[in-house]
Amino acid sequence: MQFIFGAIVGAIAMALFAPQRGDVTREELRAATEDLRRRADDLSERAKRASEEAQVRTQKIIDEARKQMQDIRPRDGGGGATA
């Protein structure tokens, strides 16, 4: 997020201090804004995928821990024989 904010501030500073015509500056700002939007969308999509993958891995760990706990726990109160 800080990178995106820094890029926006940099683009605005560039526009304010650039010795160009207004229409050229506006076009550069538009292009920079579109590029930042694409980068932000890409970053958001990557974060979403990473979150989903972490959720799946976490659920597998939880399921494995539950299975191990069931294997450790006596099933019938310690008698060993079932009816």
Protein backbone atom coordinates (compact mmCIF):
# COMPACT_ATOMS: atom_id res chain seq x y z
CA MET A 1 0.00 0.00 0.00
CA GLN A 2 2.81 2.40 0.81
CA PHE A 3 4.33 1.75 -2.59
CA ILE A 4 1.09 2.70 -4.33
CA PHE A 5 0.73 5.83 -2.21
CA GLY A 6 4.32 6.80 -2.97
CA ALA A 7 3.79 6.25 -6.68
CA ILE A 8 0.71 8.48 -6.65
CA VAL A 9 2.52 11.24 -4.78
CA GLY A 10 5.44 10.93 -7.21
CA ALA A 11 3.13 11.16 -10.22
CA ILE A 12 1.45 14.27 -8.85
CA ALA A 13 4.80 15.91 -8.05
CA MET A 14 6.01 15.07 -11.55
CA ALA A 15 2.92 16.65 -13.05
CA LEU A 16 3.24 19.81 -11.00
CA PHE A 17 6.90 20.39 -11.79
CA ALA A 18 7.04 19.09 -15.35
CA PRO A 19 7.58 21.77 -18.02
CA GLN A 20 4.91 20.39 -20.37
CA ARG A 21 1.58 21.43 -21.77
CA GLY A 22 -1.46 20.65 -19.68
CA ASP A 23 -2.89 18.08 -22.09
CA VAL A 24 0.40 16.15 -22.15
CA THR A 25 0.61 16.22 -18.36
CA ARG A 26 -3.00 15.04 -18.03
CA GLU A 27 -2.34 12.15 -20.41
CA GLU A 28 0.74 11.11 -18.43
CA LEU A 29 -1.26 11.26 -15.20
CA ARG A 30 -4.04 9.19 -16.77
CA ALA A 31 -1.53 6.57 -17.96
CA ALA A 32 0.18 6.49 -14.57
CA THR A 33 -3.18 6.14 -12.83
CA GLU A 34 -4.19 3.23 -15.07
CA ASP A 35 -0.84 1.54 -14.44
CA LEU A 36 -1.23 1.95 -10.69
CA ARG A 37 -4.79 0.62 -10.84
CA ARG A 38 -3.58 -2.48 -12.73
CA ARG A 39 -0.80 -3.00 -10.20
CA ALA A 40 -3.19 -2.60 -7.29
CA ASP A 41 -5.64 -5.05 -8.86
CA ASP A 42 -2.83 -7.55 -9.44
CA LEU A 43 -1.59 -7.16 -5.88
CA SER A 44 -5.12 -7.57 -4.55
CA GLU A 45 -5.64 -10.73 -6.60
CA ARG A 46 -2.33 -12.19 -5.41
CA ALA A 47 -3.22 -11.41 -1.79
CA LYS A 48 -6.62 -13.06 -2.24
CA ARG A 49 -5.03 -16.22 -3.69
CA ALA A 50 -2.42 -16.34 -0.93
CA SER A 51 -5.15 -15.97 1.69
CA GLU A 52 -7.20 -18.77 0.15
CA GLU A 53 -4.14 -21.04 -0.03
CA ALA A 54 -3.28 -20.29 3.60
CA GLN A 55 -6.85 -21.09 4.60
CA VAL A 56 -6.69 -24.47 2.84
CA ARG A 57 -3.31 -25.30 4.44
CA THR A 58 -4.57 -24.26 7.87
CA GLN A 59 -7.67 -26.43 7.51
CA LYS A 60 -5.49 -29.42 6.56
CA ILE A 61 -3.35 -28.87 9.66
CA ILE A 62 -6.45 -28.64 11.85
CA ASP A 63 -7.93 -31.79 10.33
CA GLU A 64 -4.65 -33.68 10.83
CA ALA A 65 -4.41 -32.50 14.45
CA ARG A 66 -8.00 -33.66 15.11
CA LYS A 67 -7.21 -37.04 13.57
CA GLN A 68 -4.12 -37.41 15.74
CA MET A 69 -6.11 -36.46 18.85
CA GLN A 70 -8.73 -39.09 18.02
CA ASP A 71 -5.99 -41.70 17.58
CA ILE A 72 -4.52 -40.81 20.99
CA ARG A 73 -7.83 -40.63 22.87
CA PRO A 74 -9.19 -43.95 24.24
CA ARG A 75 -12.21 -44.88 22.17
CA ASP A 76 -14.24 -46.86 24.67
CA GLY A 77 -13.09 -45.60 28.03
CA GLY A 78 -9.95 -47.72 28.13
CA GLY A 79 -11.58 -51.18 28.09
CA GLY A 80 -10.21 -52.12 24.74
CA ALA A 81 -13.09 -54.40 23.70
CA THR A 82 -16.14 -53.21 21.83
CA ALA A 83 -19.58 -54.79 21.75
